[in-house]
Amino acid sequence: MYDYISGNITFKSATYIVVEAGGVGYQLNISLQTYTRLKDEIRAKVFTHLAIKEDAHVLYGFADEEERTLFRHLISVSGVGPGTARVMLSSMTAVELHQSITTGQVAAIKRIKGIGDKTAQRIVIDLKDKLGKSEISSTIIPSSYNTAKDEALSALLALGFNRSAAEKELQKIIHQSSHTFTVEELIKAALKNL
């Protein structure tokens, strides 16, 4: 229904953005990849996917068509909904996920929160041939955004994780290293252990 929305980004968080176009503010659920690509942008063209559920119409936004195409492939697999596909695209880059699927790395896919052995195998079986025919460009995404633990926590909560478990995991990650983490690094590290 909607291919893309182009306009001013009026709100940004690690889980969704609001793009104003034609006097209407569209809330778009995004992955961590898209957030990283759009974090410094004021105006953007965001590719969209409309997911229709019984009780809601939910727009998902993507910084490029390749990520949206991969998202659509993922949700075509039985047992993988839009929320799970978004977590997958937040846990791995589109390039890493594409390579894991086309090379049959079930173990790498299983490490993603919410993906069990059967689902990981189903994703590889269903998508290996489809994705093997297409290539994904390895665009390097900059990751030099200075943010707080609170933003990573709110992103994890929006993805459906328990507050106390997410807080404990973020605290553990921060205290185990003297490294100053970006919000993307914190979320990715937390997703591996939650």
Foldseek 3Di string as FASTA:
>chain_A
DAFKAWAFFPDAAQFWTWGDDPNDTAIAGEANLQCLQCVPPGIAIWTWDWDDDPVDIHIHTHRDPLLVVQLVLQCVFPPGHSLNSRQQCLQDPSQVVLVCLLVVVLVVSCLFPPAHSVNSNSSSVSCNVVSVVDHDDDDDGDQDAQDDLVSLLVNVVVSPDDNVLLVVQLVVVPVVDPDRDGSSRSNNSSRSPD
